[in-house]
Amino acid sequence: MAHTCISAYLPPDIDPTKASIAFGERALPKLNEELQSPDLLTRQQALMALCDLVHDPEHVYQAMKLGFLDNLKSLLVDQDSTVRQKTTEILYIMANHNVGR
Protein backbone atom coordinates (compact mmCIF):
# COMPACT_ATOMS: atom_id res chain seq x y z
CA MET A 1 0.00 0.00 0.00
CA ALA A 2 1.32 3.45 -0.90
CA HIS A 3 1.76 6.23 1.61
CA THR A 4 2.74 9.87 1.36
CA CYS A 5 6.11 11.09 2.47
CA ILE A 6 6.69 14.82 2.86
CA SER A 7 10.30 15.84 2.41
CA ALA A 8 11.94 18.59 4.42
CA TYR A 9 14.06 19.55 1.39
CA LEU A 10 13.16 22.19 -1.19
CA PRO A 11 12.32 21.03 -4.71
CA PRO A 12 15.44 20.88 -6.88
CA ASP A 13 14.22 23.57 -9.31
CA ILE A 14 13.70 26.31 -6.69
CA ASP A 15 16.65 28.59 -5.93
CA PRO A 16 16.18 30.47 -2.64
CA THR A 17 18.96 32.95 -3.49
CA LYS A 18 16.99 34.57 -6.32
CA ALA A 19 14.00 36.86 -6.04
CA SER A 20 10.81 35.89 -7.80
CA ILE A 21 10.57 37.99 -10.94
CA ALA A 22 7.37 39.64 -12.10
CA PHE A 23 6.23 38.86 -15.62
CA GLY A 24 6.81 41.08 -18.63
CA GLU A 25 7.34 44.80 -18.34
CA ARG A 26 6.83 44.80 -14.56
CA ALA A 27 9.95 42.69 -13.85
CA LEU A 28 12.58 45.41 -13.87
CA PRO A 29 10.56 48.11 -12.04
CA LYS A 30 9.87 45.59 -9.25
CA LEU A 31 13.57 44.72 -9.00
CA ASN A 32 14.39 48.42 -8.93
CA GLU A 33 12.10 48.82 -5.90
CA GLU A 34 13.68 45.80 -4.22
CA LEU A 35 17.19 47.21 -4.72
CA GLN A 36 16.19 50.16 -2.53
CA SER A 37 14.86 47.91 0.25
CA PRO A 38 16.37 48.28 3.72
CA ASP A 39 16.29 44.47 4.08
CA LEU A 40 19.67 42.92 3.15
CA LEU A 41 18.23 39.59 1.95
CA THR A 42 15.80 41.36 -0.37
CA ARG A 43 18.60 43.42 -1.91
CA GLN A 44 20.77 40.33 -2.38
CA GLN A 45 17.97 38.35 -4.04
CA ALA A 46 17.13 41.25 -6.35
CA LEU A 47 20.78 41.55 -7.39
CA MET A 48 21.00 37.81 -8.12
CA ALA A 49 17.88 37.98 -10.31
CA LEU A 50 19.05 41.18 -12.02
CA CYS A 51 22.40 39.58 -12.77
CA ASP A 52 20.61 36.94 -14.85
CA LEU A 53 18.41 39.47 -16.63
CA VAL A 54 21.09 41.91 -17.79
CA HIS A 55 22.61 39.41 -20.19
CA ASP A 56 19.85 40.47 -22.61
CA PRO A 57 20.59 43.85 -24.27
CA GLU A 58 16.88 44.72 -24.25
CA HIS A 59 16.81 44.42 -20.46
CA VAL A 60 19.97 46.53 -20.22
CA TYR A 61 18.29 49.27 -22.24
CA GLN A 62 15.16 49.14 -20.09
CA ALA A 63 17.23 49.11 -16.88
CA MET A 64 19.13 52.21 -17.93
CA LYS A 65 15.88 53.91 -18.90
CA LEU A 66 14.40 53.15 -15.44
CA GLY A 67 17.37 54.65 -13.59
CA PHE A 68 19.09 51.51 -12.34
CA LEU A 69 22.52 53.10 -12.62
CA ASP A 70 21.86 55.53 -9.77
CA ASN A 71 20.66 52.70 -7.52
CA LEU A 72 23.58 50.46 -8.48
CA LYS A 73 26.00 53.31 -7.84
CA SER A 74 24.67 53.69 -4.30
CA LEU A 75 24.95 49.91 -3.74
CA LEU A 76 28.68 50.01 -4.51
CA VAL A 77 29.28 51.45 -1.04
CA ASP A 78 26.97 49.00 0.77
CA GLN A 79 28.21 47.38 3.98
CA ASP A 80 27.67 43.84 2.68
CA SER A 81 30.42 42.41 0.48
CA THR A 82 27.99 40.21 -1.49
CA VAL A 83 25.94 43.26 -2.49
CA ARG A 84 29.07 45.08 -3.62
CA GLN A 85 30.33 42.07 -5.56
CA LYS A 86 27.05 41.42 -7.41
CA THR A 87 26.64 45.14 -8.13
CA THR A 88 30.09 45.22 -9.72
CA GLU A 89 29.27 42.12 -11.75
CA ILE A 90 26.02 43.67 -13.03
CA LEU A 91 27.77 46.89 -14.01
CA TYR A 92 30.46 44.87 -15.80
CA ILE A 93 27.86 42.88 -17.77
CA MET A 94 25.95 46.05 -18.65
CA ALA A 95 29.14 47.75 -19.84
CA ASN A 96 29.86 44.87 -22.21
CA HIS A 97 26.69 45.59 -24.21
CA ASN A 98 26.60 48.36 -26.81
CA VAL A 99 23.64 49.92 -25.05
CA GLY A 100 25.45 49.98 -21.71
CA ARG A 101 28.58 51.66 -22.97
PDB file of N, CA and C in Angstrom:
ATOM      1  N   MET A   1       0.838  -1.169   0.000  1.00  0.00           N
ATOM      2  CA  MET A   1       0.000   0.000   0.000  1.00  0.00           C
ATOM      3  C   MET A   1       0.893   1.246   0.000  1.00  0.00           C
ATOM      4  N   ALA A   2       0.524   2.228  -0.772  1.00  0.00           N
ATOM      5  CA  ALA A   2       1.317   3.448  -0.898  1.00  0.00           C
ATOM      6  C   ALA A   2       0.980   4.426   0.225  1.00  0.00           C
ATOM      7  N   HIS A   3       1.990   5.190   0.608  1.00  0.00           N
ATOM      8  CA  HIS A   3       1.759   6.229   1.610  1.00  0.00           C
ATOM      9  C   HIS A   3       2.513   7.498   1.185  1.00  0.00           C
ATOM     10  N   THR A   4       2.103   8.613   1.732  1.00  0.00           N
ATOM     11  CA  THR A   4       2.741   9.870   1.363  1.00  0.00           C
ATOM     12  C   THR A   4       3.921  10.143   2.283  1.00  0.00           C
ATOM     13  N   CYS A   5       4.920  10.719   1.712  1.00  0.00           N
ATOM     14  CA  CYS A   5       6.112  11.087   2.468  1.00  0.00           C
ATOM     15  C   CYS A   5       6.453  12.533   2.119  1.00  0.00           C
ATOM     16  N   ILE A   6       6.393  13.416   3.098  1.00  0.00           N
ATOM     17  CA  ILE A   6       6.685  14.818   2.864  1.00  0.00           C
ATOM     18  C   ILE A   6       8.137  15.077   3.213  1.00  0.00           C
ATOM     19  N   SER A   7       8.875  15.585   2.238  1.00  0.00           N
ATOM     20  CA  SER A   7      10.300  15.836   2.413  1.00  0.00           C
ATOM     21  C   SER A   7      10.530  17.205   3.046  1.00  0.00           C
ATOM     22  N   ALA A   8      11.575  17.310   3.818  1.00  0.00           N
ATOM     23  CA  ALA A   8      11.943  18.591   4.422  1.00  0.00           C
ATOM     24  C   ALA A   8      12.802  19.421   3.480  1.00  0.00           C
ATOM     25  N   TYR A   9      13.196  18.863   2.344  1.00  0.00           N
ATOM     26  CA  TYR A   9      14.057  19.550   1.388  1.00  0.00           C
ATOM     27  C   TYR A   9      13.229  20.324   0.366  1.00  0.00           C
ATOM     28  N   LEU A  10      13.809  21.425  -0.138  1.00  0.00           N
ATOM     29  CA  LEU A  10      13.157  22.187  -1.191  1.00  0.00           C
ATOM     30  C   LEU A  10      13.197  21.409  -2.493  1.00  0.00           C
ATOM     31  N   PRO A  11      12.247  21.662  -3.388  1.00  0.00           N
ATOM     32  CA  PRO A  11      12.321  21.027  -4.707  1.00  0.00           C
ATOM     33  C   PRO A  11      13.604  21.435  -5.418  1.00  0.00           C
ATOM     34  N   PRO A  12      14.145  20.590  -6.269  1.00  0.00           N
ATOM     35  CA  PRO A  12      15.440  20.877  -6.882  1.00  0.00           C
ATOM     36  C   PRO A  12      15.429  22.059  -7.843  1.00  0.00           C
ATOM     37  N   ASP A  13      14.263  22.477  -8.344  1.00  0.00           N
ATOM     38  CA  ASP A  13      14.222  23.566  -9.306  1.00  0.00           C
ATOM     39  C   ASP A  13      13.938  24.933  -8.677  1.00  0.00           C
ATOM     40  N   ILE A  14      13.930  25.043  -7.376  1.00  0.00           N
ATOM     41  CA  ILE A  14      13.704  26.312  -6.693  1.00  0.00           C
ATOM     42  C   ILE A  14      15.017  26.780  -6.090  1.00  0.00           C
ATOM     43  N   ASP A  15      15.407  28.003  -6.440  1.00  0.00           N
ATOM     44  CA  ASP A  15      16.647  28.588  -5.933  1.00  0.00           C
ATOM     45  C   ASP A  15      16.293  29.678  -4.926  1.00  0.00           C
ATOM     46  N   PRO A  16      16.568  29.473  -3.641  1.00  0.00           N
ATOM     47  CA  PRO A  16      16.180  30.474  -2.640  1.00  0.00           C
ATOM     48  C   PRO A  16      17.032  31.741  -2.670  1.00  0.00           C
ATOM     49  N   THR A  17      18.109  31.758  -3.451  1.00  0.00           N
ATOM     50  CA  THR A  17      18.960  32.946  -3.493  1.00  0.00           C
ATOM     51  C   THR A  17      18.466  33.981  -4.494  1.00  0.00           C
ATOM     52  N   LYS A  18      17.475  33.637  -5.308  1.00  0.00           N
ATOM     53  CA  LYS A  18      16.987  34.568  -6.322  1.00  0.00           C
ATOM     54  C   LYS A  18      15.582  35.039  -5.970  1.00  0.00           C
ATOM     55  N   ALA A  19      15.327  36.294  -6.263  1.00  0.00           N
ATOM     56  CA  ALA A  19      13.995  36.857  -6.037  1.00  0.00           C
ATOM     57  C   ALA A  19      13.057  36.360  -7.124  1.00  0.00           C
ATOM     58  N   SER A  20      11.789  36.237  -6.783  1.00  0.00           N
ATOM     59  CA  SER A  20      10.815  35.888  -7.805  1.00  0.00           C
ATOM     60  C   SER A  20      10.619  37.112  -8.690  1.00  0.00           C
ATOM     61  N   ILE A  21      10.606  36.891  -9.975  1.00  0.00           N
ATOM     62  CA  ILE A  21      10.569  37.995 -10.939  1.00  0.00           C
ATOM     63  C   ILE A  21       9.149  38.139 -11.466  1.00  0.00           C
ATOM     64  N   ALA A  22       8.677  39.370 -11.520  1.00  0.00           N
ATOM     65  CA  ALA A  22       7.371  39.640 -12.101  1.00  0.00           C
ATOM     66  C   ALA A  22       7.431  39.377 -13.602  1.00  0.00           C
ATOM     67  N   PHE A  23       6.287  39.224 -14.211  1.00  0.00           N
ATOM     68  CA  PHE A  23       6.233  38.861 -15.624  1.00  0.00           C
ATOM     69  C   PHE A  23       6.198  40.100 -16.504  1.00  0.00           C
ATOM     70  N   GLY A  24       6.891  40.053 -17.610  1.00  0.00           N
ATOM     71  CA  GLY A  24       6.809  41.083 -18.632  1.00  0.00           C
ATOM     72  C   GLY A  24       7.478  42.386 -18.257  1.00  0.00           C
ATOM     73  N   GLU A  25       6.776  43.472 -18.537  1.00  0.00           N
ATOM     74  CA  GLU A  25       7.344  44.802 -18.336  1.00  0.00           C
ATOM     75  C   GLU A  25       7.442  45.195 -16.873  1.00  0.00           C
ATOM     76  N   ARG A  26       6.828  44.472 -15.990  1.00  0.00           N
ATOM     77  CA  ARG A  26       6.835  44.805 -14.564  1.00  0.00           C
ATOM     78  C   ARG A  26       8.047  44.220 -13.838  1.00  0.00           C
ATOM     79  N   ALA A  27       8.824  43.376 -14.504  1.00  0.00           N
ATOM     80  CA  ALA A  27       9.945  42.695 -13.846  1.00  0.00           C
ATOM     81  C   ALA A  27      11.013  43.671 -13.361  1.00  0.00           C
ATOM     82  N   LEU A  28      11.498  44.510 -14.247  1.00  0.00           N
ATOM     83  CA  LEU A  28      12.581  45.412 -13.869  1.00  0.00           C
ATOM     84  C   LEU A  28      12.146  46.515 -12.903  1.00  0.00           C
ATOM     85  N   PRO A  29      10.968  47.124 -13.059  1.00  0.00           N
ATOM     86  CA  PRO A  29      10.564  48.107 -12.038  1.00  0.00           C
ATOM     87  C   PRO A  29      10.439  47.502 -10.641  1.00  0.00           C
ATOM     88  N   LYS A  30       9.973  46.242 -10.562  1.00  0.00           N
ATOM     89  CA  LYS A  30       9.868  45.586  -9.255  1.00  0.00           C
ATOM     90  C   LYS A  30      11.250  45.348  -8.659  1.00  0.00           C
ATOM     91  N   LEU A  31      12.206  44.918  -9.483  1.00  0.00           N
ATOM     92  CA  LEU A  31      13.570  44.717  -9.002  1.00  0.00           C
ATOM     93  C   LEU A  31      14.206  46.039  -8.586  1.00  0.00           C
ATOM     94  N   ASN A  32      13.862  47.110  -9.280  1.00  0.00           N
ATOM     95  CA  ASN A  32      14.387  48.424  -8.928  1.00  0.00           C
ATOM     96  C   ASN A  32      13.894  48.839  -7.539  1.00  0.00           C
ATOM     97  N   GLU A  33      12.639  48.544  -7.238  1.00  0.00           N
ATOM     98  CA  GLU A  33      12.102  48.823  -5.899  1.00  0.00           C
ATOM     99  C   GLU A  33      12.798  47.975  -4.846  1.00  0.00           C
ATOM    100  N   GLU A  34      13.055  46.707  -5.175  1.00  0.00           N
ATOM    101  CA  GLU A  34      13.685  45.805  -4.215  1.00  0.00           C
ATOM    102  C   GLU A  34      15.145  46.164  -3.962  1.00  0.00           C
ATOM    103  N   LEU A  35      15.805  46.773  -4.928  1.00  0.00           N
ATOM    104  CA  LEU A  35      17.188  47.208  -4.717  1.00  0.00           C
ATOM    105  C   LEU A  35      17.282  48.316  -3.679  1.00  0.00           C
ATOM    106  N   GLN A  36      16.213  49.059  -3.498  1.00  0.00           N
ATOM    107  CA  GLN A  36      16.188  50.157  -2.534  1.00  0.00           C
ATOM    108  C   GLN A  36      15.686  49.709  -1.164  1.00  0.00           C
ATOM    109  N   SER A  37      15.404  48.435  -1.005  1.00  0.00           N
ATOM    110  CA  SER A  37      14.858  47.912   0.246  1.00  0.00           C
ATOM    111  C   SER A  37      15.891  47.986   1.376  1.00  0.00           C
ATOM    112  N   PRO A  38      15.434  48.282   2.596  1.00  0.00           N
ATOM    113  CA  PRO A  38      16.372  48.279   3.724  1.00  0.00           C
ATOM    114  C   PRO A  38      16.771  46.865   4.161  1.00  0.00           C
ATOM    115  N   ASP A  39      16.019  45.853   3.720  1.00  0.00           N
ATOM    116  CA  ASP A  39      16.295  44.465   4.081  1.00  0.00           C
ATOM    117  C   ASP A  39      17.439  43.916   3.225  1.00  0.00           C
ATOM    118  N   LEU A  40      18.476  43.417   3.852  1.00  0.00           N
ATOM    119  CA  LEU A  40      19.667  42.922   3.153  1.00  0.00           C
ATOM    120  C   LEU A  40      19.337  41.738   2.251  1.00  0.00           C
ATOM    121  N   LEU A  41      18.557  40.783   2.738  1.00  0.00           N
ATOM    122  CA  LEU A  41      18.234  39.593   1.949  1.00  0.00           C
ATOM    123  C   LEU A  41      17.461  39.964   0.688  1.00  0.00           C
ATOM    124  N   THR A  42      16.561  40.918   0.794  1.00  0.00           N
ATOM    125  CA  THR A  42      15.796  41.361  -0.370  1.00  0.00           C
ATOM    126  C   THR A  42      16.711  41.985  -1.412  1.00  0.00           C
ATOM    127  N   ARG A  43      17.648  42.814  -0.977  1.00  0.00           N
ATOM    128  CA  ARG A  43      18.601  43.423  -1.913  1.00  0.00           C
ATOM    129  C   ARG A  43      19.457  42.360  -2.589  1.00  0.00           C
ATOM    130  N   GLN A  44      19.937  41.384  -1.804  1.00  0.00           N
ATOM    131  CA  GLN A  44      20.772  40.330  -2.380  1.00  0.00           C
ATOM    132  C   GLN A  44      20.007  39.509  -3.406  1.00  0.00           C
ATOM    133  N   GLN A  45      18.769  39.141  -3.103  1.00  0.00           N
ATOM    134  CA  GLN A  45      17.969  38.354  -4.036  1.00  0.00           C
ATOM    135  C   GLN A  45      17.676  39.143  -5.309  1.00  0.00           C
ATOM    136  N   ALA A  46      17.389  40.424  -5.168  1.00  0.00           N
ATOM    137  CA  ALA A  46      17.133  41.254  -6.346  1.00  0.00           C
ATOM    138  C   ALA A  46      18.373  41.358  -7.222  1.00  0.00           C
ATOM    139  N   LEU A  47      19.534  41.474  -6.608  1.00  0.00           N
ATOM    140  CA  LEU A  47      20.776  41.545  -7.389  1.00  0.00           C
ATOM    141  C   LEU A  47      21.059  40.239  -8.110  1.00  0.00           C
ATOM    142  N   MET A  48      20.789  39.111  -7.469  1.00  0.00           N
ATOM    143  CA  MET A  48      20.995  37.810  -8.116  1.00  0.00           C
ATOM    144  C   MET A  48      20.084  37.672  -9.335  1.00  0.00           C
ATOM    145  N   ALA A  49      18.821  38.073  -9.190  1.00  0.00           N
ATOM    146  CA  ALA A  49      17.881  37.979 -10.309  1.00  0.00           C
ATOM    147  C   ALA A  49      18.256  38.964 -11.415  1.00  0.00           C
ATOM    148  N   LEU A  50      18.656  40.167 -11.033  1.00  0.00           N
ATOM    149  CA  LEU A  50      19.046  41.177 -12.023  1.00  0.00           C
ATOM    150  C   LEU A  50      20.287  40.745 -12.790  1.00  0.00           C
ATOM    151  N   CYS A  51      21.177  40.056 -12.126  1.00  0.00           N
ATOM    152  CA  CYS A  51      22.403  39.581 -12.772  1.00  0.00           C
ATOM    153  C   CYS A  51      22.068  38.628 -13.925  1.00  0.00           C
ATOM    154  N   ASP A  52      21.028  37.831 -13.764  1.00  0.00           N
ATOM    155  CA  ASP A  52      20.608  36.936 -14.845  1.00  0.00           C
ATOM    156  C   ASP A  52      19.913  37.698 -15.971  1.00  0.00           C
ATOM    157  N   LEU A  53      19.182  38.750 -15.634  1.00  0.00           N
ATOM    158  CA  LEU A  53      18.411  39.475 -16.635  1.00  0.00           C
ATOM    159  C   LEU A  53      19.263  40.367 -17.528  1.00  0.00           C
ATOM    160  N   VAL A  54      20.345  40.929 -17.005  1.00  0.00           N
ATOM    161  CA  VAL A  54      21.092  41.915 -17.787  1.00  0.00           C
ATOM    162  C   VAL A  54      21.959  41.308 -18.891  1.00  0.00           C
ATOM    163  N   HIS A  55      21.909  40.014 -19.064  1.00  0.00           N
ATOM    164  CA  HIS A  55      22.612  39.407 -20.190  1.00  0.00           C
ATOM    165  C   HIS A  55      21.898  39.716 -21.508  1.00  0.00           C
ATOM    166  N   ASP A  56      20.630  40.107 -21.432  1.00  0.00           N
ATOM    167  CA  ASP A  56      19.850  40.473 -22.609  1.00  0.00           C
ATOM    168  C   ASP A  56      19.966  41.981 -22.845  1.00  0.00           C
ATOM    169  N   PRO A  57      20.417  42.414 -24.018  1.00  0.00           N
ATOM    170  CA  PRO A  57      20.587  43.850 -24.272  1.00  0.00           C
ATOM    171  C   PRO A  57      19.291  44.654 -24.127  1.00  0.00           C
ATOM    172  N   GLU A  58      18.165  44.026 -24.406  1.00  0.00           N
ATOM    173  CA  GLU A  58      16.884  44.725 -24.251  1.00  0.00           C
ATOM    174  C   GLU A  58      16.619  45.063 -22.786  1.00  0.00           C
ATOM    175  N   HIS A  59      16.970  44.150 -21.892  1.00  0.00           N
ATOM    176  CA  HIS A  59      16.812  44.418 -20.463  1.00  0.00           C
ATOM    177  C   HIS A  59      17.803  45.477 -19.993  1.00  0.00           C
ATOM    178  N   VAL A  60      18.989  45.499 -20.577  1.00  0.00           N
ATOM    179  CA  VAL A  60      19.971  46.527 -20.221  1.00  0.00           C
ATOM    180  C   VAL A  60      19.433  47.895 -20.596  1.00  0.00           C
ATOM    181  N   TYR A  61      18.858  48.002 -21.790  1.00  0.00           N
ATOM    182  CA  TYR A  61      18.293  49.273 -22.236  1.00  0.00           C
ATOM    183  C   TYR A  61      17.171  49.720 -21.304  1.00  0.00           C
ATOM    184  N   GLN A  62      16.277  48.801 -20.967  1.00  0.00           N
ATOM    185  CA  GLN A  62      15.156  49.143 -20.088  1.00  0.00           C
ATOM    186  C   GLN A  62      15.662  49.511 -18.688  1.00  0.00           C
ATOM    187  N   ALA A  63      16.676  48.820 -18.202  1.00  0.00           N
ATOM    188  CA  ALA A  63      17.230  49.112 -16.880  1.00  0.00           C
ATOM    189  C   ALA A  63      17.845  50.511 -16.844  1.00  0.00           C
ATOM    190  N   MET A  64      18.535  50.871 -17.888  1.00  0.00           N
ATOM    191  CA  MET A  64      19.129  52.210 -17.933  1.00  0.00           C
ATOM    192  C   MET A  64      18.044  53.275 -18.017  1.00  0.00           C
ATOM    193  N   LYS A  65      16.992  52.981 -18.752  1.00  0.00           N
ATOM    194  CA  LYS A  65      15.875  53.911 -18.899  1.00  0.00           C
ATOM    195  C   LYS A  65      15.141  54.115 -17.567  1.00  0.00           C
ATOM    196  N   LEU A  66      15.094  53.075 -16.727  1.00  0.00           N
ATOM    197  CA  LEU A  66      14.396  53.147 -15.442  1.00  0.00           C
ATOM    198  C   LEU A  66      15.252  53.755 -14.330  1.00  0.00           C
ATOM    199  N   GLY A  67      16.523  54.015 -14.593  1.00  0.00           N
ATOM    200  CA  GLY A  67      17.374  54.648 -13.593  1.00  0.00           C
ATOM    201  C   GLY A  67      18.086  53.682 -12.669  1.00  0.00           C
ATOM    202  N   PHE A  68      18.389  52.500 -13.155  1.00  0.00           N
ATOM    203  CA  PHE A  68      19.095  51.509 -12.336  1.00  0.00           C
ATOM    204  C   PHE A  68      20.505  51.962 -11.981  1.00  0.00           C
ATOM    205  N   LEU A  69      21.122  52.741 -12.853  1.00  0.00           N
ATOM    206  CA  LEU A  69      22.515  53.105 -12.623  1.00  0.00           C
ATOM    207  C   LEU A  69      22.693  53.898 -11.333  1.00  0.00           C
ATOM    208  N   ASP A  70      21.764  54.775 -11.016  1.00  0.00           N
ATOM    209  CA  ASP A  70      21.857  55.527  -9.766  1.00  0.00           C
ATOM    210  C   ASP A  70      21.738  54.605  -8.551  1.00  0.00           C
ATOM    211  N   ASN A  71      20.817  53.643  -8.635  1.00  0.00           N
ATOM    212  CA  ASN A  71      20.656  52.697  -7.525  1.00  0.00           C
ATOM    213  C   ASN A  71      21.864  51.779  -7.393  1.00  0.00           C
ATOM    214  N   LEU A  72      22.399  51.335  -8.522  1.00  0.00           N
ATOM    215  CA  LEU A  72      23.578  50.463  -8.478  1.00  0.00           C
ATOM    216  C   LEU A  72      24.793  51.223  -7.961  1.00  0.00           C
ATOM    217  N   LYS A  73      24.883  52.494  -8.313  1.00  0.00           N
ATOM    218  CA  LYS A  73      26.004  53.310  -7.836  1.00  0.00           C
ATOM    219  C   LYS A  73      25.970  53.441  -6.312  1.00  0.00           C
ATOM    220  N   SER A  74      24.769  53.586  -5.756  1.00  0.00           N
ATOM    221  CA  SER A  74      24.665  53.686  -4.300  1.00  0.00           C
ATOM    222  C   SER A  74      24.937  52.346  -3.619  1.00  0.00           C
ATOM    223  N   LEU A  75      24.694  51.234  -4.327  1.00  0.00           N
ATOM    224  CA  LEU A  75      24.954  49.915  -3.744  1.00  0.00           C
ATOM    225  C   LEU A  75      26.442  49.558  -3.745  1.00  0.00           C
ATOM    226  N   LEU A  76      27.242  50.280  -4.497  1.00  0.00           N
ATOM    227  CA  LEU A  76      28.684  50.008  -4.513  1.00  0.00           C
ATOM    228  C   LEU A  76      29.348  50.303  -3.166  1.00  0.00           C
ATOM    229  N   VAL A  77      28.714  51.115  -2.348  1.00  0.00           N
ATOM    230  CA  VAL A  77      29.277  51.449  -1.038  1.00  0.00           C
ATOM    231  C   VAL A  77      28.480  50.789   0.094  1.00  0.00           C
ATOM    232  N   ASP A  78      27.741  49.729  -0.228  1.00  0.00           N
ATOM    233  CA  ASP A  78      26.969  49.003   0.774  1.00  0.00           C
ATOM    234  C   ASP A  78      27.910  48.304   1.757  1.00  0.00           C
ATOM    235  N   GLN A  79      27.396  48.040   2.960  1.00  0.00           N
ATOM    236  CA  GLN A  79      28.212  47.384   3.984  1.00  0.00           C
ATOM    237  C   GLN A  79      28.471  45.916   3.674  1.00  0.00           C
ATOM    238  N   ASP A  80      27.553  45.278   2.960  1.00  0.00           N
ATOM    239  CA  ASP A  80      27.672  43.844   2.681  1.00  0.00           C
ATOM    240  C   ASP A  80      28.551  43.606   1.455  1.00  0.00           C
ATOM    241  N   SER A  81      29.488  42.685   1.581  1.00  0.00           N
ATOM    242  CA  SER A  81      30.418  42.409   0.479  1.00  0.00           C
ATOM    243  C   SER A  81      29.724  41.701  -0.690  1.00  0.00           C
ATOM    244  N   THR A  82      28.707  40.888  -0.416  1.00  0.00           N
ATOM    245  CA  THR A  82      27.987  40.209  -1.491  1.00  0.00           C
ATOM    246  C   THR A  82      27.250  41.219  -2.359  1.00  0.00           C
ATOM    247  N   VAL A  83      26.654  42.212  -1.742  1.00  0.00           N
ATOM    248  CA  VAL A  83      25.944  43.256  -2.489  1.00  0.00           C
ATOM    249  C   VAL A  83      26.935  44.025  -3.367  1.00  0.00           C
ATOM    250  N   ARG A  84      28.073  44.362  -2.832  1.00  0.00           N
ATOM    251  CA  ARG A  84      29.073  45.082  -3.620  1.00  0.00           C
ATOM    252  C   ARG A  84      29.586  44.236  -4.779  1.00  0.00           C
ATOM    253  N   GLN A  85      29.805  42.956  -4.531  1.00  0.00           N
ATOM    254  CA  GLN A  85      30.327  42.067  -5.564  1.00  0.00           C
ATOM    255  C   GLN A  85      29.317  41.892  -6.700  1.00  0.00           C
ATOM    256  N   LYS A  86      28.061  41.619  -6.381  1.00  0.00           N
ATOM    257  CA  LYS A  86      27.046  41.417  -7.414  1.00  0.00           C
ATOM    258  C   LYS A  86      26.760  42.717  -8.168  1.00  0.00           C
ATOM    259  N   THR A  87      26.839  43.853  -7.474  1.00  0.00           N
ATOM    260  CA  THR A  87      26.639  45.143  -8.135  1.00  0.00           C
ATOM    261  C   THR A  87      27.742  45.378  -9.159  1.00  0.00           C
ATOM    262  N   THR A  88      28.963  45.079  -8.790  1.00  0.00           N
ATOM    263  CA  THR A  88      30.085  45.220  -9.720  1.00  0.00           C
ATOM    264  C   THR A  88      29.925  44.293 -10.910  1.00  0.00           C
ATOM    265  N   GLU A  89      29.474  43.075 -10.661  1.00  0.00           N
ATOM    266  CA  GLU A  89      29.270  42.116 -11.750  1.00  0.00           C
ATOM    267  C   GLU A  89      28.194  42.601 -12.714  1.00  0.00           C
ATOM    268  N   ILE A  90      27.102  43.161 -12.181  1.00  0.00           N
ATOM    269  CA  ILE A  90      26.022  43.671 -13.029  1.00  0.00           C
ATOM    270  C   ILE A  90      26.514  44.839 -13.871  1.00  0.00           C
ATOM    271  N   LEU A  91      27.247  45.756 -13.260  1.00  0.00           N
ATOM    272  CA  LEU A  91      27.772  46.894 -14.013  1.00  0.00           C
ATOM    273  C   LEU A  91      28.740  46.438 -15.095  1.00  0.00           C
ATOM    274  N   TYR A  92      29.536  45.414 -14.815  1.00  0.00           N
ATOM    275  CA  TYR A  92      30.462  44.869 -15.802  1.00  0.00           C
ATOM    276  C   TYR A  92      29.700  44.275 -16.992  1.00  0.00           C
ATOM    277  N   ILE A  93      28.647  43.504 -16.696  1.00  0.00           N
ATOM    278  CA  ILE A  93      27.858  42.880 -17.773  1.00  0.00           C
ATOM    279  C   ILE A  93      27.165  43.955 -18.600  1.00  0.00           C
ATOM    280  N   MET A  94      26.630  44.977 -17.929  1.00  0.00           N
ATOM    281  CA  MET A  94      25.952  46.052 -18.646  1.00  0.00           C
ATOM    282  C   MET A  94      26.930  46.822 -19.535  1.00  0.00           C
ATOM    283  N   ALA A  95      28.147  47.001 -19.070  1.00  0.00           N
ATOM    284  CA  ALA A  95      29.144  47.749 -19.844  1.00  0.00           C
ATOM    285  C   ALA A  95      29.618  46.971 -21.067  1.00  0.00           C
ATOM    286  N   ASN A  96      29.445  45.674 -21.062  1.00  0.00           N
ATOM    287  CA  ASN A  96      29.864  44.873 -22.209  1.00  0.00           C
ATOM    288  C   ASN A  96      28.880  44.956 -23.379  1.00  0.00           C
ATOM    289  N   HIS A  97      27.674  45.434 -23.146  1.00  0.00           N
ATOM    290  CA  HIS A  97      26.690  45.587 -24.212  1.00  0.00           C
ATOM    291  C   HIS A  97      26.870  46.962 -24.850  1.00  0.00           C
ATOM    292  N   ASN A  98      26.520  47.070 -26.123  1.00  0.00           N
ATOM    293  CA  ASN A  98      26.599  48.363 -26.813  1.00  0.00           C
ATOM    294  C   ASN A  98      25.724  49.402 -26.144  1.00  0.00           C
ATOM    295  N   VAL A  99      24.569  48.999 -25.677  1.00  0.00           N
ATOM    296  CA  VAL A  99      23.636  49.918 -25.045  1.00  0.00           C
ATOM    297  C   VAL A  99      24.207  50.444 -23.736  1.00  0.00           C
ATOM    298  N   GLY A 100      24.922  49.606 -23.011  1.00  0.00           N
ATOM    299  CA  GLY A 100      25.447  49.982 -21.711  1.00  0.00           C
ATOM    300  C   GLY A 100      26.700  50.837 -21.754  1.00  0.00           C
ATOM    301  N   ARG A 101      27.353  50.868 -22.875  1.00  0.00           N
ATOM    302  CA  ARG A 101      28.583  51.661 -22.965  1.00  0.00           C
ATOM    303  C   ARG A 101      28.255  53.125 -22.979  1.00  0.00           C
TER     304      ARG A 101
END
